[in-house]
Amino acid sequence: MAFNSSSFSYAEGAKQKMRIVPFDDKIDLEDLDTLYIIVKSVPFEKGYVPATVVVSPDNDHLLSLDELNSLMDGLEIAQERISEVINYIINNKTFGNPFAEEE
């Protein structure tokens, strides 16, 4: 299941709150005419560096703070998920695979 993060604001520019709502998987994300971010790991000098680009659906797309805020929220969620994967890999290499079936 995919998750969609969205922001909602309070009166007079108070701090924005993030909430996570289930995403309707009947909608193809590629069909939405909204901003998106591409983050790739690019080979560089015996290692990798991040390459990012913010893409708008067309040259006349009007940016909104809500749309940009939702991208920032999505990056936070992605960072948490990537951290979980890194922790799993480190724990697996250190302590072995806890999900492996014993023989």
Protein backbone atom coordinates (compact mmCIF):
# COMPACT_ATOMS: atom_id res chain seq x y z
CA MET A 1 0.00 0.00 0.00
CA ALA A 2 1.31 3.44 -0.86
CA PHE A 3 0.88 6.42 1.40
CA ASN A 4 0.21 9.99 0.46
CA SER A 5 1.29 12.79 2.76
CA SER A 6 -0.60 16.01 2.79
CA SER A 7 -0.36 19.23 4.75
CA PHE A 8 -3.06 21.36 6.17
CA SER A 9 -2.57 24.77 7.70
CA TYR A 10 -4.03 26.65 10.62
CA ALA A 11 -5.16 30.28 10.59
CA GLU A 12 -2.68 33.13 10.45
CA GLY A 13 0.27 31.09 9.16
CA ALA A 14 0.70 28.88 12.23
CA LYS A 15 3.04 25.94 11.98
CA GLN A 16 1.95 23.35 9.38
CA LYS A 17 1.06 19.84 10.52
CA MET A 18 1.64 16.70 8.50
CA ARG A 19 -0.78 13.84 8.31
CA ILE A 20 -0.59 10.55 6.46
CA VAL A 21 -3.64 9.26 4.65
CA PRO A 22 -4.06 6.07 2.60
CA PHE A 23 -3.44 6.68 -1.07
CA ASP A 24 -6.03 5.50 -3.57
CA ASP A 25 -4.00 3.01 -5.60
CA LYS A 26 -6.53 3.24 -8.46
CA ILE A 27 -4.92 6.55 -9.42
CA ASP A 28 -1.71 6.37 -11.41
CA LEU A 29 0.75 8.81 -9.81
CA GLU A 30 2.26 9.51 -13.21
CA ASP A 31 -1.10 10.91 -14.41
CA LEU A 32 -1.18 13.66 -11.76
CA ASP A 33 -0.14 17.11 -13.00
CA THR A 34 1.77 18.12 -9.88
CA LEU A 35 5.35 18.77 -8.87
CA TYR A 36 7.57 15.80 -8.19
CA ILE A 37 11.13 15.15 -7.11
CA ILE A 38 13.54 12.67 -8.59
CA VAL A 39 16.36 11.53 -6.32
CA LYS A 40 18.98 9.24 -7.79
CA SER A 41 22.21 7.80 -6.48
CA VAL A 42 24.86 8.65 -9.08
CA PRO A 43 28.29 6.97 -9.32
CA PHE A 44 31.07 9.44 -8.50
CA GLU A 45 34.75 8.91 -7.63
CA LYS A 46 34.53 5.30 -6.33
CA GLY A 47 31.28 6.01 -4.49
CA TYR A 48 27.91 7.62 -4.95
CA VAL A 49 26.45 11.11 -4.61
CA PRO A 50 22.81 12.14 -4.59
CA ALA A 51 21.38 13.89 -7.62
CA THR A 52 18.02 15.59 -7.25
CA VAL A 53 15.71 17.51 -9.50
CA VAL A 54 12.32 19.12 -8.87
CA VAL A 55 10.10 18.71 -11.91
CA SER A 56 6.96 20.68 -12.75
CA PRO A 57 4.34 19.28 -15.12
CA ASP A 58 4.80 22.21 -17.53
CA ASN A 59 6.41 25.64 -17.82
CA ASP A 60 3.20 27.43 -16.80
CA HIS A 61 2.68 25.47 -13.57
CA LEU A 62 1.96 27.81 -10.65
CA LEU A 63 3.81 26.80 -7.51
CA SER A 64 1.93 26.74 -4.25
CA LEU A 65 3.33 26.52 -0.75
CA ASP A 66 1.03 23.59 0.02
CA GLU A 67 2.39 21.64 -2.93
CA LEU A 68 6.00 22.37 -1.96
CA ASN A 69 5.23 21.54 1.67
CA SER A 70 3.81 18.17 0.70
CA LEU A 71 7.02 17.39 -1.21
CA MET A 72 9.04 18.24 1.89
CA ASP A 73 6.79 15.99 3.99
CA GLY A 74 7.24 13.20 1.46
CA LEU A 75 11.02 13.56 1.65
CA GLU A 76 10.84 13.27 5.44
CA ILE A 77 8.82 10.06 5.14
CA ALA A 78 11.24 8.71 2.52
CA GLN A 79 14.20 9.53 4.79
CA GLU A 80 12.60 7.58 7.63
CA ARG A 81 11.95 4.58 5.36
CA ILE A 82 15.51 4.62 4.00
CA SER A 83 16.86 4.82 7.57
CA GLU A 84 14.80 1.73 8.43
CA VAL A 85 16.30 -0.14 5.46
CA ILE A 86 19.84 0.92 6.45
CA ASN A 87 19.25 -0.21 10.04
CA TYR A 88 17.91 -3.55 8.80
CA ILE A 89 20.99 -4.08 6.59
CA ILE A 90 23.40 -3.17 9.42
CA ASN A 91 21.59 -5.40 11.92
CA ASN A 92 21.46 -8.24 9.39
CA LYS A 93 25.21 -8.01 8.78
CA THR A 94 25.98 -7.66 12.49
CA PHE A 95 23.53 -10.12 14.05
CA GLY A 96 22.49 -12.30 11.11
CA ASN A 97 19.10 -12.48 9.45
CA PRO A 98 16.45 -12.68 12.19
CA PHE A 99 13.87 -13.85 9.63
CA ALA A 100 15.91 -16.75 8.26
CA GLU A 101 14.44 -20.18 8.85
CA GLU A 102 16.53 -22.38 11.08
CA GLU A 103 17.69 -25.65 9.53
